[in-house]
Amino acid sequence: NDSWTIKEIVGHMIDSATNNIHRIIHLQYQPSPLIFP
């Protein structure tokens, strides 16, 4: 009941990529340190 399925793990990996893409971009033009949601 507490574990993700393989589908959900892959989905989380997609979320991780999209969140990190935003961080990588923001960290190159926003003032540092940046507070990110």
ModelCIF file with pLDDT and N, C-alpha, C, O atoms, coordinates in Angstrom:
data_MODEL
#
_entry.id   MODEL 
#
_entity.id                         1 
_entity.type                       polymer 
_entity.pdbx_number_of_molecules   1 
#
_entity_poly.entity_id                      1 
_entity_poly.type                           'polypeptide(L)' 
_entity_poly.nstd_linkage                   no 
_entity_poly.nstd_monomer                   no 
_entity_poly.pdbx_seq_one_letter_code       NDSWTIKEIVGHMIDSATNNIHRIIHLQYQPSPLIFP 
_entity_poly.pdbx_seq_one_letter_code_can   NDSWTIKEIVGHMIDSATNNIHRIIHLQYQPSPLIFP 
_entity_poly.pdbx_strand_id                 A 
#
loop_
_entity_poly_seq.entity_id 
_entity_poly_seq.num 
_entity_poly_seq.mon_id 
_entity_poly_seq.hetero 
1 1  ASN n 
1 2  ASP n 
1 3  SER n 
1 4  TRP n 
1 5  THR n 
1 6  ILE n 
1 7  LYS n 
1 8  GLU n 
1 9  ILE n 
1 10 VAL n 
1 11 GLY n 
1 12 HIS n 
1 13 MET n 
1 14 ILE n 
1 15 ASP n 
1 16 SER n 
1 17 ALA n 
1 18 THR n 
1 19 ASN n 
1 20 ASN n 
1 21 ILE n 
1 22 HIS n 
1 23 ARG n 
1 24 ILE n 
1 25 ILE n 
1 26 HIS n 
1 27 LEU n 
1 28 GLN n 
1 29 TYR n 
1 30 GLN n 
1 31 PRO n 
1 32 SER n 
1 33 PRO n 
1 34 LEU n 
1 35 ILE n 
1 36 PHE n 
1 37 PRO n 
#
_struct_asym.id          A 
_struct_asym.entity_id   1 
#
loop_
_ma_qa_metric.id 
_ma_qa_metric.mode 
_ma_qa_metric.name 
_ma_qa_metric.software_group_id 
_ma_qa_metric.type 
1 global pLDDT . pLDDT 
2 local  pLDDT . pLDDT 
#
_ma_qa_metric_global.metric_id      1 
_ma_qa_metric_global.metric_value   92.43 
_ma_qa_metric_global.model_id       1 
_ma_qa_metric_global.ordinal_id     1 
#
loop_
_ma_qa_metric_local.label_asym_id 
_ma_qa_metric_local.label_comp_id 
_ma_qa_metric_local.label_seq_id 
_ma_qa_metric_local.metric_id 
_ma_qa_metric_local.metric_value 
_ma_qa_metric_local.model_id 
_ma_qa_metric_local.ordinal_id 
A ASN 1  2 83.00 1 1  
A ASP 2  2 82.00 1 2  
A SER 3  2 91.00 1 3  
A TRP 4  2 94.00 1 4  
A THR 5  2 95.00 1 5  
A ILE 6  2 96.00 1 6  
A LYS 7  2 97.00 1 7  
A GLU 8  2 96.00 1 8  
A ILE 9  2 97.00 1 9  
A VAL 10 2 97.00 1 10 
A GLY 11 2 96.00 1 11 
A HIS 12 2 96.00 1 12 
A MET 13 2 97.00 1 13 
A ILE 14 2 97.00 1 14 
A ASP 15 2 95.00 1 15 
A SER 16 2 95.00 1 16 
A ALA 17 2 97.00 1 17 
A THR 18 2 95.00 1 18 
A ASN 19 2 93.00 1 19 
A ASN 20 2 94.00 1 20 
A ILE 21 2 96.00 1 21 
A HIS 22 2 94.00 1 22 
A ARG 23 2 94.00 1 23 
A ILE 24 2 95.00 1 24 
A ILE 25 2 95.00 1 25 
A HIS 26 2 94.00 1 26 
A LEU 27 2 94.00 1 27 
A GLN 28 2 94.00 1 28 
A TYR 29 2 93.00 1 29 
A GLN 30 2 91.00 1 30 
A PRO 31 2 87.00 1 31 
A SER 32 2 89.00 1 32 
A PRO 33 2 90.00 1 33 
A LEU 34 2 85.00 1 34 
A ILE 35 2 87.00 1 35 
A PHE 36 2 80.00 1 36 
A PRO 37 2 79.00 1 37 
#
loop_
_atom_site.group_PDB 
_atom_site.id 
_atom_site.type_symbol 
_atom_site.label_atom_id 
_atom_site.label_alt_id 
_atom_site.label_comp_id 
_atom_site.label_asym_id 
_atom_site.label_entity_id 
_atom_site.label_seq_id 
_atom_site.pdbx_PDB_ins_code 
_atom_site.Cartn_x 
_atom_site.Cartn_y 
_atom_site.Cartn_z 
_atom_site.occupancy 
_atom_site.B_iso_or_equiv 
_atom_site.pdbx_formal_charge 
_atom_site.auth_seq_id 
_atom_site.auth_comp_id 
_atom_site.auth_asym_id 
_atom_site.auth_atom_id 
_atom_site.pdbx_PDB_model_num 
ATOM 1   N N  . ASN A 1 1  ? 0.799  -1.235 0.000   1.00 83.00 ? 1  ASN A N  1 
ATOM 2   C CA . ASN A 1 1  ? 0.000  0.000  0.000   1.00 83.00 ? 1  ASN A CA 1 
ATOM 3   C C  . ASN A 1 1  ? 0.825  1.276  0.000   1.00 83.00 ? 1  ASN A C  1 
ATOM 4   O O  . ASN A 1 1  ? 0.344  2.316  -0.449  1.00 83.00 ? 1  ASN A O  1 
ATOM 5   N N  . ASP A 1 2  ? 2.048  1.221  0.490   1.00 82.00 ? 2  ASP A N  1 
ATOM 6   C CA . ASP A 1 2  ? 2.874  2.424  0.614   1.00 82.00 ? 2  ASP A CA 1 
ATOM 7   C C  . ASP A 1 2  ? 3.886  2.592  -0.518  1.00 82.00 ? 2  ASP A C  1 
ATOM 8   O O  . ASP A 1 2  ? 4.653  3.555  -0.516  1.00 82.00 ? 2  ASP A O  1 
ATOM 9   N N  . SER A 1 3  ? 3.901  1.685  -1.471  1.00 91.00 ? 3  SER A N  1 
ATOM 10  C CA . SER A 1 3  ? 4.916  1.727  -2.529  1.00 91.00 ? 3  SER A CA 1 
ATOM 11  C C  . SER A 1 3  ? 4.322  2.185  -3.856  1.00 91.00 ? 3  SER A C  1 
ATOM 12  O O  . SER A 1 3  ? 3.143  1.979  -4.144  1.00 91.00 ? 3  SER A O  1 
ATOM 13  N N  . TRP A 1 4  ? 5.176  2.807  -4.642  1.00 94.00 ? 4  TRP A N  1 
ATOM 14  C CA . TRP A 1 4  ? 4.787  3.175  -5.992  1.00 94.00 ? 4  TRP A CA 1 
ATOM 15  C C  . TRP A 1 4  ? 4.911  1.971  -6.915  1.00 94.00 ? 4  TRP A C  1 
ATOM 16  O O  . TRP A 1 4  ? 5.715  1.069  -6.681  1.00 94.00 ? 4  TRP A O  1 
ATOM 17  N N  . THR A 1 5  ? 4.103  1.974  -7.963  1.00 95.00 ? 5  THR A N  1 
ATOM 18  C CA . THR A 1 5  ? 4.229  0.977  -9.025  1.00 95.00 ? 5  THR A CA 1 
ATOM 19  C C  . THR A 1 5  ? 5.377  1.421  -9.938  1.00 95.00 ? 5  THR A C  1 
ATOM 20  O O  . THR A 1 5  ? 5.910  2.520  -9.783  1.00 95.00 ? 5  THR A O  1 
ATOM 21  N N  . ILE A 1 6  ? 5.749  0.571  -10.876 1.00 96.00 ? 6  ILE A N  1 
ATOM 22  C CA . ILE A 1 6  ? 6.775  0.951  -11.852 1.00 96.00 ? 6  ILE A CA 1 
ATOM 23  C C  . ILE A 1 6  ? 6.298  2.154  -12.656 1.00 96.00 ? 6  ILE A C  1 
ATOM 24  O O  . ILE A 1 6  ? 7.089  3.052  -12.943 1.00 96.00 ? 6  ILE A O  1 
ATOM 25  N N  . LYS A 1 7  ? 5.038  2.188  -13.020 1.00 97.00 ? 7  LYS A N  1 
ATOM 26  C CA . LYS A 1 7  ? 4.487  3.340  -13.748 1.00 97.00 ? 7  LYS A CA 1 
ATOM 27  C C  . LYS A 1 7  ? 4.671  4.623  -12.942 1.00 97.00 ? 7  LYS A C  1 
ATOM 28  O O  . LYS A 1 7  ? 5.054  5.659  -13.486 1.00 97.00 ? 7  LYS A O  1 
ATOM 29  N N  . GLU A 1 8  ? 4.398  4.546  -11.658 1.00 96.00 ? 8  GLU A N  1 
ATOM 30  C CA . GLU A 1 8  ? 4.506  5.734  -10.811 1.00 96.00 ? 8  GLU A CA 1 
ATOM 31  C C  . GLU A 1 8  ? 5.963  6.147  -10.600 1.00 96.00 ? 8  GLU A C  1 
ATOM 32  O O  . GLU A 1 8  ? 6.262  7.337  -10.507 1.00 96.00 ? 8  GLU A O  1 
ATOM 33  N N  . ILE A 1 9  ? 6.859  5.178  -10.526 1.00 97.00 ? 9  ILE A N  1 
ATOM 34  C CA . ILE A 1 9  ? 8.290  5.511  -10.410 1.00 97.00 ? 9  ILE A CA 1 
ATOM 35  C C  . ILE A 1 9  ? 8.746  6.239  -11.675 1.00 97.00 ? 9  ILE A C  1 
ATOM 36  O O  . ILE A 1 9  ? 9.431  7.258  -11.588 1.00 97.00 ? 9  ILE A O  1 
ATOM 37  N N  . VAL A 1 10 ? 8.374  5.729  -12.837 1.00 97.00 ? 10 VAL A N  1 
ATOM 38  C CA . VAL A 1 10 ? 8.740  6.390  -14.099 1.00 97.00 ? 10 VAL A CA 1 
ATOM 39  C C  . VAL A 1 10 ? 8.108  7.785  -14.148 1.00 97.00 ? 10 VAL A C  1 
ATOM 40  O O  . VAL A 1 10 ? 8.751  8.739  -14.585 1.00 97.00 ? 10 VAL A O  1 
ATOM 41  N N  . GLY A 1 11 ? 6.874  7.906  -13.710 1.00 96.00 ? 11 GLY A N  1 
ATOM 42  C CA . GLY A 1 11 ? 6.227  9.214  -13.651 1.00 96.00 ? 11 GLY A CA 1 
ATOM 43  C C  . GLY A 1 11 ? 6.984  10.165 -12.746 1.00 96.00 ? 11 GLY A C  1 
ATOM 44  O O  . GLY A 1 11 ? 7.181  11.331 -13.090 1.00 96.00 ? 11 GLY A O  1 
ATOM 45  N N  . HIS A 1 12 ? 7.410  9.676  -11.589 1.00 96.00 ? 12 HIS A N  1 
ATOM 46  C CA . HIS A 1 12 ? 8.207  10.504 -10.675 1.00 96.00 ? 12 HIS A CA 1 
ATOM 47  C C  . HIS A 1 12 ? 9.523  10.931 -11.327 1.00 96.00 ? 12 HIS A C  1 
ATOM 48  O O  . HIS A 1 12 ? 9.974  12.060 -11.135 1.00 96.00 ? 12 HIS A O  1 
ATOM 49  N N  . MET A 1 13 ? 10.136 10.034 -12.094 1.00 97.00 ? 13 MET A N  1 
ATOM 50  C CA . MET A 1 13 ? 11.380 10.384 -12.784 1.00 97.00 ? 13 MET A CA 1 
ATOM 51  C C  . MET A 1 13 ? 11.142 11.500 -13.806 1.00 97.00 ? 13 MET A C  1 
ATOM 52  O O  . MET A 1 13 ? 11.999 12.360 -14.005 1.00 97.00 ? 13 MET A O  1 
ATOM 53  N N  . ILE A 1 14 ? 9.990  11.478 -14.439 1.00 97.00 ? 14 ILE A N  1 
ATOM 54  C CA . ILE A 1 14 ? 9.615  12.552 -15.372 1.00 97.00 ? 14 ILE A CA 1 
ATOM 55  C C  . ILE A 1 14 ? 9.439  13.854 -14.599 1.00 97.00 ? 14 ILE A C  1 
ATOM 56  O O  . ILE A 1 14 ? 9.931  14.902 -15.018 1.00 97.00 ? 14 ILE A O  1 
ATOM 57  N N  . ASP A 1 15 ? 8.732  13.786 -13.465 1.00 95.00 ? 15 ASP A N  1 
ATOM 58  C CA . ASP A 1 15 ? 8.554  14.973 -12.625 1.00 95.00 ? 15 ASP A CA 1 
ATOM 59  C C  . ASP A 1 15 ? 9.898  15.533 -12.169 1.00 95.00 ? 15 ASP A C  1 
ATOM 60  O O  . ASP A 1 15 ? 10.107 16.746 -12.171 1.00 95.00 ? 15 ASP A O  1 
ATOM 61  N N  . SER A 1 16 ? 10.792 14.652 -11.784 1.00 95.00 ? 16 SER A N  1 
ATOM 62  C CA . SER A 1 16 ? 12.117 15.071 -11.345 1.00 95.00 ? 16 SER A CA 1 
ATOM 63  C C  . SER A 1 16 ? 12.851 15.807 -12.466 1.00 95.00 ? 16 SER A C  1 
ATOM 64  O O  . SER A 1 16 ? 13.466 16.849 -12.244 1.00 95.00 ? 16 SER A O  1 
ATOM 65  N N  . ALA A 1 17 ? 12.774 15.250 -13.663 1.00 97.00 ? 17 ALA A N  1 
ATOM 66  C CA . ALA A 1 17 ? 13.423 15.905 -14.808 1.00 97.00 ? 17 ALA A CA 1 
ATOM 67  C C  . ALA A 1 17 ? 12.823 17.286 -15.055 1.00 97.00 ? 17 ALA A C  1 
ATOM 68  O O  . ALA A 1 17 ? 13.559 18.253 -15.250 1.00 97.00 ? 17 ALA A O  1 
ATOM 69  N N  . THR A 1 18 ? 11.500 17.386 -15.050 1.00 95.00 ? 18 THR A N  1 
ATOM 70  C CA . THR A 1 18 ? 10.878 18.680 -15.349 1.00 95.00 ? 18 THR A CA 1 
ATOM 71  C C  . THR A 1 18 ? 11.182 19.695 -14.268 1.00 95.00 ? 18 THR A C  1 
ATOM 72  O O  . THR A 1 18 ? 11.447 20.857 -14.577 1.00 95.00 ? 18 THR A O  1 
ATOM 73  N N  . ASN A 1 19 ? 11.150 19.286 -13.003 1.00 93.00 ? 19 ASN A N  1 
ATOM 74  C CA . ASN A 1 19 ? 11.483 20.209 -11.922 1.00 93.00 ? 19 ASN A CA 1 
ATOM 75  C C  . ASN A 1 19 ? 12.940 20.660 -12.007 1.00 93.00 ? 19 ASN A C  1 
ATOM 76  O O  . ASN A 1 19 ? 13.247 21.834 -11.801 1.00 93.00 ? 19 ASN A O  1 
ATOM 77  N N  . ASN A 1 20 ? 13.829 19.724 -12.310 1.00 94.00 ? 20 ASN A N  1 
ATOM 78  C CA . ASN A 1 20 ? 15.246 20.087 -12.417 1.00 94.00 ? 20 ASN A CA 1 
ATOM 79  C C  . ASN A 1 20 ? 15.527 20.953 -13.639 1.00 94.00 ? 20 ASN A C  1 
ATOM 80  O O  . ASN A 1 20 ? 16.409 21.810 -13.594 1.00 94.00 ? 20 ASN A O  1 
ATOM 81  N N  . ILE A 1 21 ? 14.802 20.747 -14.717 1.00 96.00 ? 21 ILE A N  1 
ATOM 82  C CA . ILE A 1 21 ? 14.957 21.622 -15.881 1.00 96.00 ? 21 ILE A CA 1 
ATOM 83  C C  . ILE A 1 21 ? 14.630 23.061 -15.476 1.00 96.00 ? 21 ILE A C  1 
ATOM 84  O O  . ILE A 1 21 ? 15.372 23.988 -15.802 1.00 96.00 ? 21 ILE A O  1 
ATOM 85  N N  . HIS A 1 22 ? 13.526 23.237 -14.771 1.00 94.00 ? 22 HIS A N  1 
ATOM 86  C CA . HIS A 1 22 ? 13.158 24.588 -14.318 1.00 94.00 ? 22 HIS A CA 1 
ATOM 87  C C  . HIS A 1 22 ? 14.218 25.172 -13.398 1.00 94.00 ? 22 HIS A C  1 
ATOM 88  O O  . HIS A 1 22 ? 14.564 26.347 -13.521 1.00 94.00 ? 22 HIS A O  1 
ATOM 89  N N  . ARG A 1 23 ? 14.729 24.382 -12.493 1.00 94.00 ? 23 ARG A N  1 
ATOM 90  C CA . ARG A 1 23 ? 15.772 24.881 -11.584 1.00 94.00 ? 23 ARG A CA 1 
ATOM 91  C C  . ARG A 1 23 ? 17.025 25.283 -12.358 1.00 94.00 ? 23 ARG A C  1 
ATOM 92  O O  . ARG A 1 23 ? 17.593 26.348 -12.118 1.00 94.00 ? 23 ARG A O  1 
ATOM 93  N N  . ILE A 1 24 ? 17.453 24.425 -13.292 1.00 95.00 ? 24 ILE A N  1 
ATOM 94  C CA . ILE A 1 24 ? 18.656 24.719 -14.076 1.00 95.00 ? 24 ILE A CA 1 
ATOM 95  C C  . ILE A 1 24 ? 18.499 26.049 -14.822 1.00 95.00 ? 24 ILE A C  1 
ATOM 96  O O  . ILE A 1 24 ? 19.423 26.862 -14.855 1.00 95.00 ? 24 ILE A O  1 
ATOM 97  N N  . ILE A 1 25 ? 17.352 26.256 -15.405 1.00 95.00 ? 25 ILE A N  1 
ATOM 98  C CA . ILE A 1 25 ? 17.121 27.485 -16.164 1.00 95.00 ? 25 ILE A CA 1 
ATOM 99  C C  . ILE A 1 25 ? 17.060 28.689 -15.229 1.00 95.00 ? 25 ILE A C  1 
ATOM 100 O O  . ILE A 1 25 ? 17.743 29.688 -15.453 1.00 95.00 ? 25 ILE A O  1 
ATOM 101 N N  . HIS A 1 26 ? 16.233 28.592 -14.174 1.00 94.00 ? 26 HIS A N  1 
ATOM 102 C CA . HIS A 1 26 ? 16.093 29.721 -13.245 1.00 94.00 ? 26 HIS A CA 1 
ATOM 103 C C  . HIS A 1 26 ? 17.420 30.094 -12.586 1.00 94.00 ? 26 HIS A C  1 
ATOM 104 O O  . HIS A 1 26 ? 17.707 31.274 -12.384 1.00 94.00 ? 26 HIS A O  1 
ATOM 105 N N  . LEU A 1 27 ? 18.224 29.090 -12.253 1.00 94.00 ? 27 LEU A N  1 
ATOM 106 C CA . LEU A 1 27 ? 19.489 29.367 -11.566 1.00 94.00 ? 27 LEU A CA 1 
ATOM 107 C C  . LEU A 1 27 ? 20.513 30.072 -12.452 1.00 94.00 ? 27 LEU A C  1 
ATOM 108 O O  . LEU A 1 27 ? 21.548 30.523 -11.962 1.00 94.00 ? 27 LEU A O  1 
ATOM 109 N N  . GLN A 1 28 ? 20.237 30.169 -13.729 1.00 94.00 ? 28 GLN A N  1 
ATOM 110 C CA . GLN A 1 28 ? 21.167 30.858 -14.616 1.00 94.00 ? 28 GLN A CA 1 
ATOM 111 C C  . GLN A 1 28 ? 20.796 32.319 -14.857 1.00 94.00 ? 28 GLN A C  1 
ATOM 112 O O  . GLN A 1 28 ? 21.586 33.067 -15.432 1.00 94.00 ? 28 GLN A O  1 
ATOM 113 N N  . TYR A 1 29 ? 19.593 32.740 -14.421 1.00 93.00 ? 29 TYR A N  1 
ATOM 114 C CA . TYR A 1 29 ? 19.255 34.150 -14.639 1.00 93.00 ? 29 TYR A CA 1 
ATOM 115 C C  . TYR A 1 29 ? 18.575 34.832 -13.454 1.00 93.00 ? 29 TYR A C  1 
ATOM 116 O O  . TYR A 1 29 ? 18.435 36.055 -13.450 1.00 93.00 ? 29 TYR A O  1 
ATOM 117 N N  . GLN A 1 30 ? 18.153 34.067 -12.455 1.00 91.00 ? 30 GLN A N  1 
ATOM 118 C CA . GLN A 1 30 ? 17.535 34.656 -11.267 1.00 91.00 ? 30 GLN A CA 1 
ATOM 119 C C  . GLN A 1 30 ? 18.611 34.963 -10.225 1.00 91.00 ? 30 GLN A C  1 
ATOM 120 O O  . GLN A 1 30 ? 19.690 34.370 -10.255 1.00 91.00 ? 30 GLN A O  1 
ATOM 121 N N  . PRO A 1 31 ? 18.325 35.881 -9.309  1.00 87.00 ? 31 PRO A N  1 
ATOM 122 C CA . PRO A 1 31 ? 19.286 36.146 -8.229  1.00 87.00 ? 31 PRO A CA 1 
ATOM 123 C C  . PRO A 1 31 ? 19.494 34.898 -7.369  1.00 87.00 ? 31 PRO A C  1 
ATOM 124 O O  . PRO A 1 31 ? 18.568 34.122 -7.136  1.00 87.00 ? 31 PRO A O  1 
ATOM 125 N N  . SER A 1 32 ? 20.727 34.728 -6.906  1.00 89.00 ? 32 SER A N  1 
ATOM 126 C CA . SER A 1 32 ? 21.077 33.588 -6.058  1.00 89.00 ? 32 SER A CA 1 
ATOM 127 C C  . SER A 1 32 ? 21.237 34.084 -4.629  1.00 89.00 ? 32 SER A C  1 
ATOM 128 O O  . SER A 1 32 ? 21.829 35.146 -4.433  1.00 89.00 ? 32 SER A O  1 
ATOM 129 N N  . PRO A 1 33 ? 20.737 33.369 -3.614  1.00 90.00 ? 33 PRO A N  1 
ATOM 130 C CA . PRO A 1 33 ? 20.044 32.085 -3.704  1.00 90.00 ? 33 PRO A CA 1 
ATOM 131 C C  . PRO A 1 33 ? 18.579 32.267 -4.111  1.00 90.00 ? 33 PRO A C  1 
ATOM 132 O O  . PRO A 1 33 ? 17.941 33.273 -3.801  1.00 90.00 ? 33 PRO A O  1 
ATOM 133 N N  . LEU A 1 34 ? 18.088 31.281 -4.797  1.00 85.00 ? 34 LEU A N  1 
ATOM 134 C CA . LEU A 1 34 ? 16.734 31.281 -5.332  1.00 85.00 ? 34 LEU A CA 1 
ATOM 135 C C  . LEU A 1 34 ? 15.840 30.426 -4.439  1.00 85.00 ? 34 LEU A C  1 
ATOM 136 O O  . LEU A 1 34 ? 16.203 29.312 -4.061  1.00 85.00 ? 34 LEU A O  1 
ATOM 137 N N  . ILE A 1 35 ? 14.690 30.953 -4.115  1.00 87.00 ? 35 ILE A N  1 
ATOM 138 C CA . ILE A 1 35 ? 13.709 30.149 -3.387  1.00 87.00 ? 35 ILE A CA 1 
ATOM 139 C C  . ILE A 1 35 ? 12.788 29.554 -4.437  1.00 87.00 ? 35 ILE A C  1 
ATOM 140 O O  . ILE A 1 35 ? 12.117 30.275 -5.177  1.00 87.00 ? 35 ILE A O  1 
ATOM 141 N N  . PHE A 1 36 ? 12.766 28.245 -4.490  1.00 80.00 ? 36 PHE A N  1 
ATOM 142 C CA . PHE A 1 36 ? 12.001 27.532 -5.496  1.00 80.00 ? 36 PHE A CA 1 
ATOM 143 C C  . PHE A 1 36 ? 10.842 26.820 -4.809  1.00 80.00 ? 36 PHE A C  1 
ATOM 144 O O  . PHE A 1 36 ? 11.007 26.339 -3.688  1.00 80.00 ? 36 PHE A O  1 
ATOM 145 N N  . PRO A 1 37 ? 9.680  26.739 -5.440  1.00 79.00 ? 37 PRO A N  1 
ATOM 146 C CA . PRO A 1 37 ? 8.543  26.065 -4.797  1.00 79.00 ? 37 PRO A CA 1 
ATOM 147 C C  . PRO A 1 37 ? 8.887  24.623 -4.414  1.00 79.00 ? 37 PRO A C  1 
ATOM 148 O O  . PRO A 1 37 ? 8.045  23.912 -3.864  1.00 79.00 ? 37 PRO A O  1 
#
